[in-house]
Amino acid sequence: MERPDLATPEGRRAYVAEMRRVALGWRIAGLAMVALGAGGLIATRLTGNAVWHSTIGIASVAVLALGWAIVIVAVLKRTRYHKRRMAG
């Protein structure tokens, strides 16, 4: 893998576009799970239930934690890709 051409504006734009595509599915899936978990927590609180005494509340916390873990994995994958790409 060769280094990207960052000396020209076109090369920089191409590299930015390339980096946006790296781990895109992971980032979308993670953020969707975070949104779903947050929505579940909001719904649990609006119904008057305590989060830890409700099955939906506990599941929402689990989905929220898993979503953030997936987002962190996506960031790490993207960072590793950038490091390898810059190493040449």
N, C-alpha and C. Protein backbone atom coordinates (compact mmCIF):
# COMPACT_ATOMS: atom_id res chain seq x y z
N MET A 1 0.85 -1.17 0.00
CA MET A 1 0.00 0.00 0.00
C MET A 1 0.90 1.23 0.00
N GLU A 2 0.70 2.10 -0.95
CA GLU A 2 1.56 3.28 -1.03
C GLU A 2 0.91 4.48 -0.35
N ARG A 3 1.73 5.44 -0.01
CA ARG A 3 1.24 6.63 0.69
C ARG A 3 0.35 7.46 -0.25
N PRO A 4 -0.65 8.12 0.32
CA PRO A 4 -1.50 8.97 -0.52
C PRO A 4 -0.78 10.26 -0.89
N ASP A 5 -1.19 10.86 -1.98
CA ASP A 5 -0.61 12.12 -2.43
C ASP A 5 -1.35 13.26 -1.72
N LEU A 6 -0.74 13.79 -0.67
CA LEU A 6 -1.37 14.87 0.08
C LEU A 6 -0.82 16.24 -0.30
N ALA A 7 0.00 16.28 -1.35
CA ALA A 7 0.59 17.54 -1.77
C ALA A 7 -0.38 18.38 -2.59
N THR A 8 -1.36 17.75 -3.21
CA THR A 8 -2.31 18.49 -4.04
C THR A 8 -3.69 18.49 -3.39
N PRO A 9 -4.49 19.50 -3.68
CA PRO A 9 -5.86 19.53 -3.12
C PRO A 9 -6.70 18.34 -3.57
N GLU A 10 -6.51 17.88 -4.81
CA GLU A 10 -7.25 16.72 -5.29
C GLU A 10 -6.88 15.46 -4.52
N GLY A 11 -5.59 15.31 -4.25
CA GLY A 11 -5.11 14.16 -3.49
C GLY A 11 -5.65 14.16 -2.07
N ARG A 12 -5.68 15.34 -1.46
CA ARG A 12 -6.23 15.43 -0.11
C ARG A 12 -7.71 15.12 -0.09
N ARG A 13 -8.45 15.63 -1.08
CA ARG A 13 -9.89 15.34 -1.16
C ARG A 13 -10.14 13.85 -1.35
N ALA A 14 -9.32 13.23 -2.20
CA ALA A 14 -9.48 11.79 -2.44
C ALA A 14 -9.18 11.00 -1.17
N TYR A 15 -8.17 11.41 -0.42
CA TYR A 15 -7.83 10.68 0.80
C TYR A 15 -8.90 10.87 1.87
N VAL A 16 -9.45 12.06 1.98
CA VAL A 16 -10.54 12.30 2.93
C VAL A 16 -11.74 11.43 2.57
N ALA A 17 -12.06 11.35 1.28
CA ALA A 17 -13.18 10.50 0.85
C ALA A 17 -12.89 9.03 1.15
N GLU A 18 -11.64 8.62 0.95
CA GLU A 18 -11.26 7.24 1.24
C GLU A 18 -11.39 6.94 2.73
N MET A 19 -10.95 7.87 3.57
CA MET A 19 -11.03 7.66 5.01
C MET A 19 -12.48 7.65 5.51
N ARG A 20 -13.35 8.38 4.85
CA ARG A 20 -14.76 8.37 5.24
C ARG A 20 -15.40 7.00 4.99
N ARG A 21 -14.89 6.27 4.01
CA ARG A 21 -15.44 4.95 3.68
C ARG A 21 -14.92 3.84 4.57
N VAL A 22 -13.80 4.08 5.26
CA VAL A 22 -13.21 3.06 6.12
C VAL A 22 -14.11 2.82 7.33
N ALA A 23 -14.50 1.58 7.55
CA ALA A 23 -15.32 1.15 8.69
C ALA A 23 -16.65 1.89 8.75
N LEU A 24 -17.18 2.27 7.60
CA LEU A 24 -18.45 3.01 7.57
C LEU A 24 -19.59 2.17 8.11
N GLY A 25 -19.64 0.92 7.72
CA GLY A 25 -20.71 0.04 8.21
C GLY A 25 -20.66 -0.13 9.72
N TRP A 26 -19.46 -0.25 10.27
CA TRP A 26 -19.30 -0.38 11.71
C TRP A 26 -19.80 0.88 12.41
N ARG A 27 -19.42 2.04 11.88
CA ARG A 27 -19.83 3.30 12.52
C ARG A 27 -21.34 3.49 12.46
N ILE A 28 -21.95 3.18 11.32
CA ILE A 28 -23.40 3.32 11.18
C ILE A 28 -24.11 2.36 12.12
N ALA A 29 -23.66 1.11 12.17
CA ALA A 29 -24.29 0.12 13.04
C ALA A 29 -24.16 0.52 14.50
N GLY A 30 -22.99 0.98 14.89
CA GLY A 30 -22.77 1.39 16.27
C GLY A 30 -23.63 2.57 16.67
N LEU A 31 -23.69 3.57 15.81
CA LEU A 31 -24.49 4.75 16.13
C LEU A 31 -25.99 4.43 16.11
N ALA A 32 -26.40 3.51 15.25
CA ALA A 32 -27.81 3.09 15.25
C ALA A 32 -28.15 2.38 16.55
N MET A 33 -27.23 1.55 17.04
CA MET A 33 -27.48 0.86 18.30
C MET A 33 -27.49 1.83 19.47
N VAL A 34 -26.64 2.83 19.44
CA VAL A 34 -26.64 3.85 20.49
C VAL A 34 -27.97 4.60 20.49
N ALA A 35 -28.45 4.96 19.31
CA ALA A 35 -29.73 5.67 19.22
C ALA A 35 -30.87 4.77 19.70
N LEU A 36 -30.84 3.50 19.32
CA LEU A 36 -31.87 2.57 19.75
C LEU A 36 -31.85 2.39 21.27
N GLY A 37 -30.68 2.24 21.84
CA GLY A 37 -30.56 2.10 23.29
C GLY A 37 -31.02 3.34 24.03
N ALA A 38 -30.65 4.51 23.52
CA ALA A 38 -31.08 5.75 24.15
C ALA A 38 -32.60 5.90 24.06
N GLY A 39 -33.16 5.54 22.92
CA GLY A 39 -34.62 5.58 22.77
C GLY A 39 -35.32 4.64 23.74
N GLY A 40 -34.74 3.48 23.95
CA GLY A 40 -35.31 2.53 24.91
C GLY A 40 -35.25 3.06 26.33
N LEU A 41 -34.15 3.72 26.67
CA LEU A 41 -34.04 4.30 28.01
C LEU A 41 -35.04 5.44 28.20
N ILE A 42 -35.20 6.25 27.19
CA ILE A 42 -36.18 7.34 27.28
C ILE A 42 -37.59 6.77 27.41
N ALA A 43 -37.89 5.75 26.63
CA ALA A 43 -39.22 5.13 26.71
C ALA A 43 -39.45 4.51 28.08
N THR A 44 -38.43 3.90 28.65
CA THR A 44 -38.55 3.30 29.97
C THR A 44 -38.84 4.37 31.02
N ARG A 45 -38.14 5.47 30.94
CA ARG A 45 -38.34 6.54 31.92
C ARG A 45 -39.70 7.21 31.74
N LEU A 46 -40.16 7.36 30.50
CA LEU A 46 -41.46 8.00 30.25
C LEU A 46 -42.62 7.16 30.74
N THR A 47 -42.43 5.84 30.82
CA THR A 47 -43.50 4.99 31.32
C THR A 47 -43.52 4.94 32.84
N GLY A 48 -42.55 5.57 33.47
CA GLY A 48 -42.52 5.63 34.93
C GLY A 48 -41.79 4.47 35.58
N ASN A 49 -41.19 3.61 34.81
CA ASN A 49 -40.45 2.47 35.36
C ASN A 49 -39.03 2.88 35.69
N ALA A 50 -38.46 2.22 36.68
CA ALA A 50 -37.04 2.40 36.97
C ALA A 50 -36.26 1.56 35.94
N VAL A 51 -35.13 2.07 35.53
CA VAL A 51 -34.35 1.41 34.48
C VAL A 51 -33.94 0.01 34.91
N TRP A 52 -33.49 -0.17 36.15
CA TRP A 52 -32.96 -1.45 36.59
C TRP A 52 -34.05 -2.44 37.00
N HIS A 53 -35.32 -1.99 37.01
CA HIS A 53 -36.42 -2.89 37.36
C HIS A 53 -37.27 -3.23 36.15
N SER A 54 -36.77 -2.94 34.99
CA SER A 54 -37.52 -3.17 33.76
C SER A 54 -36.65 -3.96 32.79
N THR A 55 -37.26 -4.93 32.15
CA THR A 55 -36.53 -5.73 31.16
C THR A 55 -36.08 -4.85 29.99
N ILE A 56 -36.95 -3.96 29.56
CA ILE A 56 -36.60 -3.06 28.45
C ILE A 56 -35.48 -2.12 28.86
N GLY A 57 -35.49 -1.66 30.10
CA GLY A 57 -34.44 -0.76 30.58
C GLY A 57 -33.09 -1.44 30.60
N ILE A 58 -33.05 -2.66 31.10
CA ILE A 58 -31.79 -3.40 31.15
C ILE A 58 -31.30 -3.71 29.73
N ALA A 59 -32.21 -4.10 28.86
CA ALA A 59 -31.83 -4.39 27.46
C ALA A 59 -31.33 -3.12 26.77
N SER A 60 -31.96 -1.99 27.09
CA SER A 60 -31.54 -0.71 26.49
C SER A 60 -30.13 -0.34 26.92
N VAL A 61 -29.82 -0.55 28.18
CA VAL A 61 -28.46 -0.26 28.67
C VAL A 61 -27.46 -1.18 27.96
N ALA A 62 -27.82 -2.45 27.80
CA ALA A 62 -26.93 -3.40 27.12
C ALA A 62 -26.71 -2.99 25.66
N VAL A 63 -27.78 -2.60 24.97
CA VAL A 63 -27.66 -2.18 23.57
C VAL A 63 -26.84 -0.90 23.47
N LEU A 64 -27.03 0.01 24.41
CA LEU A 64 -26.26 1.25 24.43
C LEU A 64 -24.76 0.96 24.61
N ALA A 65 -24.44 0.09 25.55
CA ALA A 65 -23.03 -0.26 25.79
C ALA A 65 -22.43 -0.97 24.58
N LEU A 66 -23.17 -1.88 23.99
CA LEU A 66 -22.67 -2.59 22.81
C LEU A 66 -22.48 -1.62 21.63
N GLY A 67 -23.40 -0.69 21.48
CA GLY A 67 -23.29 0.31 20.41
C GLY A 67 -22.03 1.15 20.55
N TRP A 68 -21.75 1.61 21.78
CA TRP A 68 -20.54 2.41 21.98
C TRP A 68 -19.29 1.56 21.78
N ALA A 69 -19.34 0.30 22.16
CA ALA A 69 -18.19 -0.57 21.92
C ALA A 69 -17.93 -0.72 20.42
N ILE A 70 -18.99 -0.85 19.64
CA ILE A 70 -18.83 -0.98 18.19
C ILE A 70 -18.28 0.32 17.60
N VAL A 71 -18.73 1.46 18.09
CA VAL A 71 -18.19 2.75 17.60
C VAL A 71 -16.71 2.84 17.92
N ILE A 72 -16.30 2.43 19.11
CA ILE A 72 -14.89 2.47 19.48
C ILE A 72 -14.07 1.53 18.59
N VAL A 73 -14.60 0.36 18.28
CA VAL A 73 -13.91 -0.57 17.37
C VAL A 73 -13.75 0.07 15.99
N ALA A 74 -14.79 0.77 15.52
CA ALA A 74 -14.72 1.43 14.21
C ALA A 74 -13.64 2.51 14.21
N VAL A 75 -13.54 3.27 15.28
CA VAL A 75 -12.51 4.31 15.37
C VAL A 75 -11.12 3.67 15.37
N LEU A 76 -10.97 2.58 16.10
CA LEU A 76 -9.67 1.89 16.12
C LEU A 76 -9.32 1.32 14.75
N LYS A 77 -10.30 0.74 14.05
CA LYS A 77 -10.05 0.20 12.71
C LYS A 77 -9.60 1.32 11.76
N ARG A 78 -10.27 2.46 11.86
CA ARG A 78 -9.94 3.58 10.99
C ARG A 78 -8.55 4.13 11.32
N THR A 79 -8.22 4.20 12.59
CA THR A 79 -6.90 4.68 13.00
C THR A 79 -5.80 3.75 12.51
N ARG A 80 -6.03 2.44 12.64
CA ARG A 80 -5.04 1.46 12.17
C ARG A 80 -4.87 1.55 10.66
N TYR A 81 -5.97 1.74 9.92
CA TYR A 81 -5.89 1.87 8.47
C TYR A 81 -5.05 3.10 8.10
N HIS A 82 -5.33 4.21 8.76
CA HIS A 82 -4.61 5.45 8.48
C HIS A 82 -3.11 5.26 8.76
N LYS A 83 -2.80 4.62 9.87
CA LYS A 83 -1.40 4.39 10.24
C LYS A 83 -0.69 3.53 9.19
N ARG A 84 -1.36 2.45 8.76
CA ARG A 84 -0.76 1.58 7.72
C ARG A 84 -0.60 2.33 6.41
N ARG A 85 -1.60 3.13 6.06
CA ARG A 85 -1.58 3.87 4.79
C ARG A 85 -0.44 4.89 4.78
N MET A 86 -0.22 5.55 5.92
CA MET A 86 0.83 6.56 5.98
C MET A 86 2.23 5.93 6.06
N ALA A 87 2.29 4.69 6.54
CA ALA A 87 3.59 4.02 6.62
C ALA A 87 4.10 3.62 5.23
N GLY A 88 3.15 3.47 4.29
CA GLY A 88 3.57 3.16 2.93
C GLY A 88 3.68 1.74 2.63
